[in-house]
Protein backbone atom coordinates (compact mmCIF):
# COMPACT_ATOMS: atom_id res chain seq x y z
CA MET A 1 27.69 7.28 -32.54
CA ILE A 2 26.14 10.66 -33.10
CA HIS A 3 26.04 11.89 -36.70
CA LEU A 4 26.56 15.60 -37.38
CA GLU A 5 23.21 15.74 -39.14
CA ASP A 6 21.57 14.63 -35.85
CA ILE A 7 22.65 17.72 -33.89
CA HIS A 8 20.04 20.48 -33.74
CA SER A 9 19.09 23.46 -31.64
CA LEU A 10 16.35 23.04 -29.09
CA THR A 11 14.59 26.03 -30.66
CA ASP A 12 14.50 24.37 -34.09
CA PHE A 13 13.32 21.12 -32.53
CA ALA A 14 10.50 22.95 -30.75
CA ARG A 15 9.43 24.70 -33.97
CA ASN A 16 9.48 21.50 -36.05
CA THR A 17 8.61 18.78 -33.54
CA LYS A 18 6.48 16.73 -35.94
CA ALA A 19 9.18 16.59 -38.59
CA TYR A 20 11.81 15.63 -36.01
CA ALA A 21 9.56 12.97 -34.53
CA LYS A 22 9.07 11.45 -37.98
CA LYS A 23 12.83 11.47 -38.63
CA LEU A 24 13.64 9.97 -35.21
CA LYS A 25 11.20 7.14 -35.80
CA LYS A 26 12.42 6.52 -39.36
CA THR A 27 16.16 6.48 -38.59
CA GLY A 28 16.06 5.07 -35.06
CA ARG A 29 19.04 7.31 -34.28
CA PRO A 30 19.06 9.75 -31.38
CA ALA A 31 19.25 13.50 -31.89
CA VAL A 32 21.34 15.85 -29.78
CA LEU A 33 19.63 19.12 -28.93
CA THR A 34 21.74 22.16 -28.17
CA VAL A 35 21.14 25.28 -26.12
CA ASN A 36 23.43 28.21 -26.87
CA GLY A 37 25.62 25.90 -28.95
CA ARG A 38 26.17 23.35 -26.18
CA ALA A 39 24.73 19.83 -26.12
CA GLU A 40 21.99 19.70 -23.48
CA PHE A 41 19.53 16.95 -24.40
CA VAL A 42 19.30 13.71 -26.31
CA VAL A 43 15.97 12.60 -27.74
CA GLN A 44 15.14 9.25 -29.23
CA ASP A 45 12.12 7.23 -30.25
CA ALA A 46 10.79 4.82 -27.63
CA LYS A 47 11.44 1.64 -29.63
CA SER A 48 15.13 2.42 -30.12
CA TYR A 49 15.51 3.45 -26.49
CA GLN A 50 13.92 0.20 -25.32
CA GLN A 51 16.41 -1.70 -27.49
CA ILE A 52 19.27 0.10 -25.73
CA LEU A 53 17.81 -0.82 -22.33
CA ASP A 54 17.41 -4.46 -23.39
CA ASP A 55 20.97 -4.59 -24.72
CA ALA A 56 22.34 -3.05 -21.52
CA GLU A 57 20.45 -5.58 -19.38
CA ARG A 58 21.68 -8.46 -21.53
CA TYR A 59 25.25 -7.16 -21.28
CA ALA A 60 25.01 -6.92 -17.47
CA GLU A 61 23.75 -10.51 -17.27
CA GLU A 62 26.56 -11.71 -19.55
CA ARG A 63 29.12 -9.98 -17.31
CA LYS A 64 27.66 -11.76 -14.27
CA LEU A 65 27.86 -15.10 -16.07
CA ASP A 66 31.45 -14.42 -17.17
CA GLN A 67 32.40 -13.61 -13.58
CA ALA A 68 30.76 -16.81 -12.33
CA LEU A 69 32.60 -18.85 -14.96
CA ARG A 70 35.93 -17.27 -13.99
CA GLU A 71 35.28 -18.09 -10.34
CA MET A 72 34.31 -21.64 -11.25
CA GLU A 73 37.46 -22.10 -13.34
CA SER A 74 39.66 -20.74 -10.54
CA GLY A 75 38.20 -23.21 -8.04
CA LYS A 76 36.18 -20.72 -6.04
CA LEU A 77 33.20 -23.04 -5.79
CA HIS A 78 31.61 -24.29 -2.60
CA SER A 79 29.36 -27.21 -1.99
CA GLU A 80 25.82 -26.58 -0.83
CA ARG A 81 26.81 -27.57 2.71
CA GLU A 82 29.81 -25.20 2.71
CA ALA A 83 27.63 -22.35 1.48
CA ILE A 84 25.03 -22.98 4.18
CA GLU A 85 27.73 -23.10 6.85
CA ALA A 86 29.37 -19.92 5.49
CA LEU A 87 26.03 -18.14 5.74
CA GLY A 88 25.61 -19.36 9.32
CA LEU A 89 22.46 -21.29 8.53
CA LYS A 90 21.45 -24.72 9.62
CA ALA A 91 20.93 -27.30 6.94
CA LYS A 92 17.47 -28.81 6.94
CA LYS A 93 17.24 -32.54 6.84
CA PRO A 94 15.37 -33.82 3.82
CA THR A 95 11.92 -35.11 4.61
CA ARG A 96 10.19 -37.95 2.88
CA ARG A 97 6.90 -37.45 1.21
CA LYS A 98 4.21 -39.97 1.92
């Protein structure tokens, strides 16, 4: 969520970059930069941005797992042999190690 105090003009940001950088790092919140009163850019410190990327990746993986669980629960599972046949591959016979 964007806080009203985190919306600034691009001109002000350019004039006071060091102060904004310090605030971004301290709060971890993004800032919206406006041009002619319209939101144009969002800036954020690297650590907070990386956290967002990590969270998004984790969420995507959880969605994949949820989908797999739903398929498993609905009986949409195949044995290894069925999967190989469905892919049009030939199953390799196991070999013994000597």
